[in-house]
Protein backbone atom coordinates (compact mmCIF):
# COMPACT_ATOMS: atom_id res chain seq x y z
CA MET A 1 15.15 -47.79 14.26
CA SER A 2 14.79 -46.86 18.21
CA ASP A 3 12.80 -49.22 20.79
CA THR A 4 10.94 -45.86 21.56
CA ILE A 5 9.82 -43.14 19.09
CA ALA A 6 11.22 -39.78 20.20
CA THR A 7 8.04 -37.67 21.74
CA LEU A 8 7.69 -34.31 22.61
CA ASP A 9 6.05 -34.98 25.65
CA PRO A 10 8.68 -36.88 27.90
CA ASP A 11 5.34 -38.65 29.66
CA VAL A 12 4.84 -39.92 26.68
CA THR A 13 6.62 -43.01 25.40
CA VAL A 14 5.31 -45.38 22.84
CA GLN A 15 6.75 -48.73 21.58
CA ASP A 16 7.66 -48.24 17.39
CA ASN A 17 7.16 -51.74 16.76
CA ASP A 18 4.03 -52.16 17.28
CA ALA A 19 2.97 -50.15 14.47
CA LEU A 20 3.99 -52.64 11.84
CA ASP A 21 3.31 -56.31 11.63
CA ASP A 22 5.75 -59.29 10.10
CA ASP A 23 4.88 -57.88 6.76
CA TYR A 24 5.68 -54.24 6.65
CA VAL A 25 1.58 -53.71 7.39
CA LEU A 26 0.56 -51.30 9.75
CA THR A 27 -1.54 -53.31 13.52
CA ALA A 28 -4.94 -52.74 13.32
CA GLY A 29 -3.88 -51.91 17.60
CA PHE A 30 -1.62 -48.62 16.26
CA VAL A 31 -4.61 -47.18 14.01
CA GLU A 32 -7.13 -47.54 17.20
CA LYS A 33 -4.15 -45.58 19.64
CA VAL A 34 -3.96 -42.99 16.87
CA VAL A 35 -7.71 -42.63 15.74
CA ASP A 36 -8.25 -42.42 20.24
CA ALA A 37 -5.47 -39.77 20.20
CA ALA A 38 -7.16 -37.88 17.72
CA ASP A 39 -10.26 -38.50 19.75
CA ASP A 40 -8.92 -37.07 22.57
CA GLY A 41 -7.11 -33.84 20.49
CA ASP A 42 -4.00 -35.25 22.79
CA GLY A 43 -1.61 -33.56 20.38
CA PRO A 44 1.57 -34.29 21.82
CA ARG A 45 0.80 -37.98 22.14
CA LEU A 46 -0.70 -38.24 18.26
CA ARG A 47 3.09 -36.90 17.16
CA ALA A 48 4.95 -39.33 19.46
CA LEU A 49 3.15 -41.98 17.99
CA LEU A 50 3.74 -40.30 14.26
CA GLU A 51 7.32 -39.45 15.14
CA GLY A 52 9.08 -42.55 14.54
CA LEU A 53 7.14 -43.58 10.85
CA HIS A 54 8.70 -43.65 7.87
CA PRO A 55 6.06 -41.01 5.29
CA ALA A 56 5.23 -43.89 3.17
CA ASP A 57 3.61 -45.91 6.74
CA VAL A 58 1.98 -42.45 7.54
CA ALA A 59 0.39 -42.16 4.17
CA ASP A 60 -0.41 -46.16 4.28
CA LEU A 61 -2.24 -44.66 7.61
CA MET A 62 -4.01 -42.26 6.30
CA GLY A 63 -6.10 -44.69 4.28
CA PHE A 64 -7.50 -46.36 7.17
CA LEU A 65 -8.87 -43.19 8.88
CA THR A 66 -12.00 -41.15 8.42
CA SER A 67 -11.59 -37.46 6.79
CA GLU A 68 -12.15 -36.09 10.09
CA HIS A 69 -9.45 -38.30 11.20
CA ARG A 70 -6.65 -37.33 8.76
CA THR A 71 -7.17 -33.45 9.16
CA VAL A 72 -6.09 -34.00 12.74
CA VAL A 73 -2.93 -36.21 11.86
CA VAL A 74 -1.61 -33.48 9.19
CA LEU A 75 -2.42 -30.37 10.53
CA GLY A 76 -0.04 -32.11 13.35
CA LEU A 77 2.40 -32.97 11.33
CA SER A 78 6.24 -31.50 11.26
CA PRO A 79 6.32 -29.29 8.14
CA GLU A 80 8.97 -31.60 6.69
CA MET A 81 7.22 -34.91 8.25
CA LEU A 82 4.47 -33.91 6.01
CA GLY A 83 6.02 -32.14 3.11
CA GLU A 84 7.38 -36.11 3.24
CA THR A 85 4.24 -37.43 3.06
CA LEU A 86 1.69 -35.81 0.77
CA PRO A 87 3.65 -36.92 -1.91
CA GLU A 88 3.00 -40.59 -0.92
CA LEU A 89 -0.39 -40.26 -0.27
CA ASP A 90 -3.40 -41.98 -2.71
CA ASP A 91 -4.59 -39.23 -5.44
CA GLY A 92 -7.97 -39.21 -3.71
CA ILE A 93 -6.78 -38.93 -0.15
CA ARG A 94 -4.56 -36.41 -1.05
CA GLU A 95 -6.96 -34.39 -2.75
CA GLU A 96 -9.01 -34.45 0.30
CA VAL A 97 -5.96 -33.71 2.81
CA LEU A 98 -4.58 -30.84 0.64
CA GLU A 99 -7.93 -28.64 0.08
CA ARG A 100 -8.05 -28.51 4.34
CA LEU A 101 -4.39 -27.46 4.55
CA PRO A 102 -3.61 -23.45 5.34
CA ALA A 103 -1.93 -22.03 2.40
CA GLY A 104 0.64 -20.90 4.77
CA ALA A 105 1.59 -24.82 6.34
CA LEU A 106 1.28 -26.33 2.72
CA ALA A 107 3.88 -23.96 1.41
CA GLU A 108 6.29 -24.26 3.85
CA ALA A 109 6.33 -28.46 3.56
CA LEU A 110 6.29 -27.97 0.12
CA GLN A 111 9.99 -26.71 0.26
CA GLU A 112 11.33 -29.59 2.20
CA LEU A 113 10.74 -31.45 -1.17
CA ASP A 114 12.58 -31.63 -4.36
CA SER A 115 11.07 -29.78 -7.34
CA ASP A 116 9.65 -32.99 -8.78
CA ASP A 117 7.90 -33.91 -6.05
CA ALA A 118 6.99 -30.34 -4.60
CA ALA A 119 6.12 -29.86 -8.34
CA ALA A 120 3.56 -32.90 -8.64
CA VAL A 121 1.51 -31.45 -5.39
CA VAL A 122 0.90 -28.50 -6.66
CA GLU A 123 -0.07 -29.55 -9.35
CA ASP A 124 -3.44 -31.28 -7.29
CA LEU A 125 -4.57 -28.02 -6.50
CA GLU A 126 -7.02 -25.99 -7.23
CA ASP A 127 -6.33 -22.85 -9.25
CA ASP A 128 -6.84 -20.71 -5.96
CA GLN A 129 -5.26 -22.55 -3.67
CA ARG A 130 -2.04 -22.95 -6.08
CA GLU A 131 -2.08 -19.60 -6.48
CA ARG A 132 -2.74 -18.77 -2.26
CA VAL A 133 0.07 -21.23 -1.63
CA LEU A 134 3.08 -20.32 -4.27
CA SER A 135 2.65 -16.33 -3.25
CA ALA A 136 3.89 -18.19 0.06
CA MET A 137 6.87 -19.73 -1.30
CA PRO A 138 10.36 -18.35 -2.14
CA LEU A 139 10.24 -16.62 -5.53
CA VAL A 140 13.30 -19.57 -6.19
CA ASP A 141 11.02 -22.10 -5.26
CA ARG A 142 7.96 -21.18 -7.00
CA ALA A 143 9.76 -20.55 -10.12
CA ALA A 144 11.14 -24.16 -10.17
CA ILE A 145 7.45 -25.50 -9.19
CA GLU A 146 5.78 -23.16 -12.70
CA ASN A 147 8.74 -23.78 -14.39
CA SER A 148 8.21 -28.18 -13.84
CA LEU A 149 4.41 -27.42 -14.62
CA GLY A 150 4.98 -25.71 -17.74
CA TYR A 151 6.09 -28.72 -19.02
CA ALA A 152 3.30 -31.41 -20.71
CA GLU A 153 1.71 -34.09 -17.86
CA ASP A 154 3.52 -37.21 -18.69
CA THR A 155 6.33 -36.28 -19.92
CA ALA A 156 10.02 -36.45 -18.55
CA GLY A 157 9.84 -32.68 -17.76
CA ARG A 158 7.21 -32.90 -15.42
CA LEU A 159 8.42 -35.84 -13.83
CA MET A 160 12.30 -34.64 -13.34
CA GLN A 161 13.58 -32.99 -10.42
CA ARG A 162 15.63 -29.31 -11.44
CA GLU A 163 18.19 -30.31 -8.84
CA VAL A 164 21.43 -31.56 -10.48
CA MET A 165 24.97 -31.55 -9.83
CA ALA A 166 26.93 -30.60 -13.30
CA ALA A 167 30.81 -29.74 -13.68
CA PRO A 168 32.47 -28.50 -16.85
CA LEU A 169 35.02 -31.05 -19.13
CA PHE A 170 38.42 -29.18 -17.41
CA TRP A 171 37.77 -30.16 -13.70
CA THR A 172 39.26 -32.17 -12.14
CA VAL A 173 38.09 -34.68 -9.27
CA GLY A 174 39.21 -32.58 -6.69
CA ASP A 175 37.96 -29.42 -7.69
CA THR A 176 34.39 -31.65 -8.22
CA ILE A 177 34.77 -33.04 -4.46
CA ASP A 178 35.83 -29.36 -2.79
CA HIS A 179 32.49 -28.08 -4.58
CA VAL A 180 30.60 -30.17 -3.70
CA ARG A 181 31.83 -29.90 -0.02
CA ALA A 182 31.21 -26.52 -0.32
CA GLN A 183 27.98 -25.89 -1.91
CA HIS A 184 26.39 -28.78 -0.63
CA GLU A 185 23.18 -26.70 -0.13
CA GLU A 186 22.95 -25.85 -3.36
CA LEU A 187 22.75 -29.20 -4.14
CA PRO A 188 20.69 -32.40 -4.70
CA GLU A 189 19.66 -33.94 -1.02
CA LEU A 190 20.72 -37.34 -2.79
CA PHE A 191 22.24 -37.88 -6.59
CA PHE A 192 23.87 -40.58 -8.19
CA ASP A 193 25.61 -39.45 -10.75
CA ILE A 194 27.31 -36.35 -11.84
CA TYR A 195 27.36 -35.19 -15.53
CA VAL A 196 30.16 -33.09 -17.48
CA VAL A 197 28.66 -30.25 -19.04
CA ASP A 198 30.25 -28.10 -22.10
CA PRO A 199 30.75 -24.84 -22.03
CA SER A 200 27.25 -24.18 -23.55
CA ASN A 201 25.80 -26.57 -20.73
CA LYS A 202 25.18 -29.77 -22.75
CA PRO A 203 25.79 -32.85 -21.00
CA VAL A 204 29.09 -34.62 -22.60
CA GLY A 205 28.76 -37.92 -20.02
CA GLY A 206 28.89 -38.75 -16.38
CA ILE A 207 30.69 -40.04 -13.67
CA PRO A 208 29.50 -42.25 -10.58
CA ILE A 209 30.26 -41.12 -7.68
CA SER A 210 31.36 -44.09 -6.74
CA TRP A 211 34.12 -43.98 -9.13
CA LEU A 212 34.73 -40.13 -8.58
CA LEU A 213 35.09 -41.59 -4.91
CA ARG A 214 38.06 -43.88 -6.15
CA ALA A 215 39.69 -41.71 -7.89
CA GLY A 216 42.72 -39.22 -7.78
CA ARG A 217 42.44 -35.75 -7.30
CA ASP A 218 44.55 -35.51 -10.35
CA ILE A 219 42.26 -37.01 -12.97
CA ARG A 220 40.49 -34.53 -15.15
CA LEU A 221 36.93 -35.21 -15.56
CA SER A 222 36.94 -35.87 -19.53
CA ASP A 223 39.00 -38.88 -18.80
CA LEU A 224 36.70 -40.81 -16.15
CA MET A 225 33.47 -39.33 -18.01
CA GLU A 226 31.40 -42.32 -19.41
CA PRO A 227 28.32 -41.67 -22.45
CA VAL A 228 25.11 -41.13 -20.87
CA ASN A 229 21.47 -41.59 -21.55
CA VAL A 230 20.31 -38.07 -22.22
CA ILE A 231 16.12 -38.18 -21.96
CA ALA A 232 14.16 -35.05 -23.72
CA VAL A 233 12.21 -32.83 -21.59
CA ASP A 234 9.21 -33.60 -23.49
CA GLN A 235 9.70 -36.99 -23.60
CA ASP A 236 6.80 -39.27 -22.71
CA GLN A 237 7.21 -41.18 -19.00
CA GLU A 238 6.66 -44.46 -20.32
CA GLU A 239 9.46 -44.12 -22.90
CA VAL A 240 11.52 -43.04 -19.94
CA ALA A 241 10.64 -45.86 -17.88
CA TYR A 242 11.94 -48.17 -20.49
CA ILE A 243 15.59 -46.21 -20.84
CA PHE A 244 16.06 -46.44 -17.30
CA GLU A 245 14.91 -50.66 -17.39
CA LYS A 246 16.32 -51.20 -20.67
CA TYR A 247 19.81 -49.79 -20.07
CA HIS A 248 19.72 -50.56 -16.15
CA LEU A 249 20.23 -46.65 -15.19
CA ILE A 250 20.30 -44.98 -11.95
CA SER A 251 19.55 -41.76 -13.04
CA ALA A 252 20.07 -39.53 -16.23
CA PRO A 253 20.20 -35.99 -17.30
CA VAL A 254 17.21 -34.27 -19.23
CA VAL A 255 17.48 -31.47 -21.52
CA ASP A 256 15.57 -28.89 -23.22
CA ALA A 257 14.94 -28.47 -26.62
CA ALA A 258 18.31 -26.98 -27.30
CA GLY A 259 20.17 -30.25 -25.25
CA ARG A 260 21.25 -28.03 -22.33
CA LEU A 261 21.14 -29.72 -18.88
CA VAL A 262 18.08 -28.59 -17.15
CA GLY A 263 17.54 -31.90 -14.81
CA GLN A 264 18.08 -35.36 -13.72
CA VAL A 265 15.08 -38.04 -13.57
CA THR A 266 15.53 -40.29 -10.58
CA VAL A 267 15.53 -43.81 -10.63
CA ASP A 268 13.07 -43.96 -7.60
CA ASP A 269 10.64 -41.73 -9.78
CA ILE A 270 10.68 -44.30 -12.32
CA VAL A 271 10.17 -47.68 -9.74
CA ASN A 272 6.80 -45.20 -9.49
CA ILE A 273 5.98 -44.45 -13.03
CA ILE A 274 6.50 -48.34 -13.54
CA GLN A 275 4.35 -49.03 -10.62
CA GLU A 276 1.77 -46.74 -11.72
CA GLU A 277 1.55 -48.06 -15.28
CA ASN A 278 1.24 -51.84 -14.74
CA ARG A 279 -1.44 -50.64 -11.46
CA GLU A 280 -3.66 -49.01 -14.30
CA ASP A 281 -3.32 -52.00 -17.52
CA ILE A 282 -4.13 -54.46 -15.27
CA LEU A 283 -7.34 -52.43 -13.65
CA ARG A 284 -8.04 -51.28 -17.74
CA LEU A 285 -7.96 -55.17 -18.78
CA ALA A 286 -11.51 -55.68 -15.99
CA GLY A 287 -12.44 -52.58 -17.57
CA VAL A 288 -11.51 -50.26 -14.90
CA SER A 289 -10.40 -46.86 -13.87
CA ASP A 290 -7.74 -46.36 -11.02
CA GLU A 291 -9.39 -46.66 -8.05
CA SER A 292 -7.11 -46.16 -4.72
CA ARG A 293 -8.73 -46.30 -1.39
CA GLY A 294 -10.17 -43.02 -0.96
CA ALA A 295 -12.59 -43.48 -4.50
CA GLY A 296 -16.25 -42.24 -3.53
CA VAL A 297 -19.35 -44.62 -5.65
CA LEU A 298 -20.39 -42.11 -8.03
CA GLY A 299 -16.40 -41.84 -9.25
CA VAL A 300 -16.29 -46.06 -9.04
CA VAL A 301 -19.86 -46.42 -10.93
CA ARG A 302 -18.83 -43.74 -13.35
CA SER A 303 -15.33 -45.53 -14.37
CA ARG A 304 -17.32 -49.44 -14.25
CA ILE A 305 -20.21 -49.00 -16.18
CA PRO A 306 -19.62 -47.40 -19.69
CA TRP A 307 -17.28 -50.73 -20.39
CA LEU A 308 -20.72 -52.37 -18.69
CA ILE A 309 -22.62 -51.17 -21.36
CA VAL A 310 -20.47 -51.86 -23.79
CA ASN A 311 -20.65 -55.79 -22.66
CA LEU A 312 -24.47 -55.79 -22.71
CA GLY A 313 -24.26 -54.69 -26.04
CA THR A 314 -22.02 -57.52 -27.14
CA ALA A 315 -23.73 -60.12 -25.08
CA VAL A 316 -27.06 -59.81 -26.58
CA PHE A 317 -25.19 -59.98 -29.56
CA ALA A 318 -23.99 -63.46 -28.63
CA SER A 319 -27.68 -63.98 -27.45
CA LEU A 320 -28.92 -63.23 -30.90
CA VAL A 321 -26.52 -65.84 -32.50
CA ILE A 322 -28.44 -68.43 -29.90
CA GLY A 323 -31.83 -67.19 -31.07
CA LEU A 324 -30.80 -68.48 -34.83
CA PHE A 325 -31.11 -71.64 -33.13
CA GLN A 326 -33.77 -72.51 -31.10
CA THR A 327 -35.59 -74.55 -32.99
CA GLU A 328 -32.38 -77.10 -33.24
CA ILE A 329 -32.14 -76.23 -28.70
CA GLU A 330 -35.98 -77.40 -28.83
CA THR A 331 -35.21 -80.78 -30.45
CA LEU A 332 -32.10 -81.20 -28.69
CA VAL A 333 -32.07 -79.94 -24.59
CA ALA A 334 -28.16 -81.24 -25.04
CA LEU A 335 -27.39 -78.51 -26.73
CA ALA A 336 -28.28 -76.21 -24.23
CA VAL A 337 -26.67 -77.74 -21.42
CA LEU A 338 -23.34 -78.19 -23.28
CA MET A 339 -23.50 -74.91 -25.13
CA PRO A 340 -22.01 -72.80 -22.13
CA VAL A 341 -19.00 -75.05 -21.88
CA VAL A 342 -17.70 -73.96 -25.36
CA ALA A 343 -18.30 -70.64 -24.56
CA SER A 344 -16.53 -70.47 -21.24
CA ILE A 345 -13.40 -72.50 -22.98
CA GLY A 346 -13.09 -70.13 -25.05
CA GLY A 347 -13.16 -66.98 -23.03
CA ASN A 348 -10.82 -68.44 -20.62
CA ALA A 349 -8.17 -69.15 -23.64
CA GLY A 350 -8.62 -65.26 -25.16
CA THR A 351 -7.91 -64.49 -21.73
CA GLN A 352 -4.84 -65.69 -21.31
CA ALA A 353 -3.61 -64.96 -24.55
CA LEU A 354 -4.88 -61.23 -24.63
CA THR A 355 -2.47 -60.97 -21.14
CA VAL A 356 0.38 -62.49 -23.13
CA ALA A 357 -0.18 -60.05 -25.82
CA VAL A 358 -1.04 -56.61 -23.90
CA ARG A 359 2.12 -57.19 -21.32
CA SER A 360 4.12 -58.01 -24.55
CA LEU A 361 3.45 -54.89 -26.23
CA ALA A 362 3.51 -53.06 -22.80
CA ALA A 363 7.73 -54.33 -22.25
CA ARG A 364 8.26 -53.44 -25.84
CA GLU A 365 8.74 -57.64 -26.64
CA LEU A 366 5.71 -57.31 -29.65
CA THR A 367 6.41 -54.98 -32.57
CA SER A 368 6.31 -55.17 -35.70
CA ALA A 369 8.95 -57.08 -36.73
CA ASN A 370 7.69 -60.12 -34.35
CA ALA A 371 4.15 -59.90 -34.66
CA MET A 372 3.37 -62.56 -37.64
CA ARG A 373 5.72 -64.97 -35.37
CA ILE A 374 4.09 -64.39 -32.30
CA LEU A 375 1.04 -64.60 -33.85
CA ALA A 376 1.54 -67.67 -35.26
CA ARG A 377 3.40 -69.43 -32.19
CA GLU A 378 -0.43 -68.21 -30.34
CA VAL A 379 -2.56 -69.80 -33.27
CA MET A 380 -0.17 -73.15 -32.84
CA VAL A 381 -0.62 -73.00 -29.23
CA GLY A 382 -4.57 -72.49 -29.54
CA LEU A 383 -4.33 -76.00 -32.09
CA THR A 384 -2.99 -78.01 -29.79
CA ASN A 385 -4.74 -76.85 -26.78
CA GLY A 386 -8.13 -77.40 -28.83
CA VAL A 387 -7.35 -80.62 -29.69
CA THR A 388 -6.04 -81.34 -26.33
CA ILE A 389 -9.64 -79.91 -24.55
CA ALA A 390 -11.81 -81.28 -27.33
CA ILE A 391 -10.43 -84.50 -26.64
CA LEU A 392 -11.18 -84.57 -23.56
CA MET A 393 -14.86 -82.61 -23.99
CA ALA A 394 -16.11 -85.97 -26.20
CA ALA A 395 -15.46 -87.98 -24.01
CA ILE A 396 -17.20 -85.79 -21.10
CA ALA A 397 -20.16 -85.94 -23.34
CA GLY A 398 -20.63 -89.33 -24.81
CA VAL A 399 -20.50 -90.79 -21.29
CA TRP A 400 -22.49 -88.29 -20.21
CA PHE A 401 -25.27 -88.48 -23.14
CA GLY A 402 -23.96 -91.42 -25.43
CA LEU A 403 -24.45 -89.91 -28.40
CA PRO A 404 -20.85 -90.00 -30.74
CA LYS A 405 -22.66 -87.32 -33.04
CA LEU A 406 -22.98 -85.30 -30.09
CA SER A 407 -18.99 -85.59 -28.73
CA LEU A 408 -17.72 -84.99 -32.72
CA THR A 409 -19.61 -81.78 -32.44
CA ILE A 410 -18.96 -80.34 -29.06
CA GLY A 411 -14.83 -81.66 -29.81
CA LEU A 412 -15.20 -79.63 -33.34
CA ALA A 413 -16.53 -76.19 -31.57
CA VAL A 414 -14.37 -76.25 -28.80
CA LEU A 415 -11.35 -77.04 -31.33
CA ILE A 416 -12.59 -74.25 -33.52
CA ASN A 417 -13.17 -71.86 -30.62
CA LEU A 418 -9.90 -72.32 -28.82
CA VAL A 419 -8.07 -71.18 -32.12
CA ALA A 420 -10.36 -68.07 -32.59
CA ALA A 421 -9.44 -66.69 -29.09
CA SER A 422 -6.53 -67.30 -29.82
CA LEU A 423 -6.40 -65.13 -32.87
CA ALA A 424 -8.94 -62.34 -31.43
CA GLY A 425 -6.49 -62.24 -27.88
CA THR A 426 -3.15 -61.65 -29.82
CA LEU A 427 -4.89 -59.87 -32.90
CA ILE A 428 -6.82 -57.26 -31.41
CA PRO A 429 -4.48 -56.06 -28.95
CA ILE A 430 -2.48 -55.60 -32.15
CA VAL A 431 -4.85 -53.67 -34.13
CA LEU A 432 -5.56 -51.10 -31.42
CA ASP A 433 -2.19 -50.90 -30.56
CA ARG A 434 -1.38 -49.99 -34.34
CA LEU A 435 -4.34 -47.23 -34.04
CA ASP A 436 -3.17 -45.50 -30.90
CA ARG A 437 -5.72 -46.91 -29.10
CA ASP A 438 -4.99 -48.66 -25.26
CA PRO A 439 -4.95 -52.34 -26.40
CA ALA A 440 -5.96 -53.20 -22.46
CA VAL A 441 -8.94 -51.66 -22.88
CA ALA A 442 -10.59 -52.22 -25.44
CA SER A 443 -9.37 -56.18 -26.39
CA PRO A 444 -11.34 -57.66 -23.09
CA VAL A 445 -14.90 -56.99 -24.18
CA PHE A 446 -14.15 -57.21 -28.11
CA VAL A 447 -12.42 -60.65 -27.15
CA THR A 448 -15.53 -61.65 -25.19
CA TRP A 449 -17.56 -60.94 -27.99
CA ILE A 450 -15.85 -63.07 -30.21
CA THR A 451 -15.49 -66.35 -28.11
CA ASP A 452 -18.77 -66.20 -26.80
CA THR A 453 -20.20 -65.10 -30.65
CA VAL A 454 -17.75 -67.67 -32.47
CA GLY A 455 -18.76 -70.22 -29.39
CA PHE A 456 -22.30 -70.11 -30.12
CA PHE A 457 -22.57 -70.11 -33.84
CA SER A 458 -19.96 -73.29 -34.15
CA PHE A 459 -21.34 -75.26 -31.57
CA LEU A 460 -24.80 -74.43 -32.84
CA GLY A 461 -24.46 -74.80 -36.09
CA LEU A 462 -22.25 -77.18 -36.38
CA ALA A 463 -25.43 -79.53 -34.56
CA GLY A 464 -27.46 -78.36 -36.88
CA LEU A 465 -25.19 -80.20 -40.06
CA ILE A 466 -24.45 -83.38 -37.74
CA LEU A 467 -27.20 -84.26 -35.63
CA LEU A 468 -30.66 -83.02 -37.04
C-alpha cells in the first residue's frame, strides 16, 4: 500500500497509515474524519479517505457509523468497491444498506462479484427489490444468481461459485495454458486447480496450477492429474468444511445429482463457514443467537429471553429441592452458608465437560465409536477432581465451623456433584446430538439444572443423615 491514497480531487491528500492501528483496527481519528466528511457532504474527500482501504476495512468502518452516515458512504463508493464490500458486512448492517441502495447501482456492483458472493447478497433482498435488481442485470449474470438461489440454504450449491476452469482428458499442458490465456475473461478471477473432465463433464481428476506451470507443454493432463474430493451439490456446508479441514483442500469441484461438474468451492468460503459455525456455537452455549453490532434491542431480547425463561424454571425446581430441607437449614445455619459452594463447583465442572464435549462433537472427534471411552474418561476426571476438591473443601469447613461431621458432609456432596457434573456435561450433548438437536443450545440449561439439583439434594440430604 502506498503512503498516500489516490483521490479524485488533486488537492485532497490523505495519509493511509493513520487509518489502521498496529492491530489492523480502524483508528478513532480516521473514523472521525469519515464522519466529518459525510456531515459536510464532501464527496471528494470521502472518496479519498476510502480509496486505499481494503473492502473488509470499509465493512468494518460501517459498524462505527450511524445509519445516516452509512448511507452517505455507500452511495459514494465505486461499483467495484461497493460490490467487494457488501459480502463483508455484518448481516444486520448489510440488510440496512441494501434497503437504501438504488436497484441500478446494486445491480452494477453485483456484476463485479463471483456468482457465490453475488448470490449471498441477493438472498438478503426483499422479493420486490430482488426482482428489480435482477431485472437490471445482464441475463447471464442473472441466470447464475438465480441458479445458485435455487439450491437449499447452507448447502454446497448455495456456497459454490459457478465460474470454474475445466479441461478435457485429451488436452496437454500447452493446450490448457493457451486456453487460459485466450479465455481469461471468462474464467474465475482467482482459481487454484484445473479440473479434468470426461466427455460427460464429470470430474475425473484435478491439477494444481503450480503443477501445470512446472510441467512440459507436451504432457497430457491425464498423466498429470491426481484424484479429487468431489462435493455433492446438496451436501451441507458443515460437511463441506469438515472435508476441507480434514484433507487440507484449497478448492474442490461441486457436482450435480448426475455427477456433472457445476461449480467449485474455494477455501476462502470455507474459512467464513468455519468462523460462522464456531461463532454460532459459542453464542449458543450462552443461549443467545448471532448478534452483530447492527442488531436491534428487540431482536436481541427475542433471542435471549426464551432460554432465560427455561433457566428460570430449572432454578425454581432447584429451589423446591432446597424447600424440602427447610428444617435442616433452620437447625444448622452453616448449611445455608456452604450450600451455594457445592452447586457452584458442580456448575463449573459441568461447564468444563460440556465445552469439551460440544467442541468434540463439532469436530467429529466424539462419535459412537469412542463415546463410551470418552464418557468413562470424563467420569474418572470428575472422580479425581472430586476427591481433590472434596478434601480441600472439607478442610476449609473444618477450620471455619469446627464440626468434623459437617466437613465429611460437604466433602461427600462435592464428590458426588463433581462426578454427576462430568457425567451430565458429557452425556447430555451426546444424547441431544443423537436426537438431531443442537447440543450447544440446550445443553447448558440442562447441565446447570442437574448440577444445582444434585448439589443441593446431596448436600442437604447427607446433612439430614449425618448431622441431624
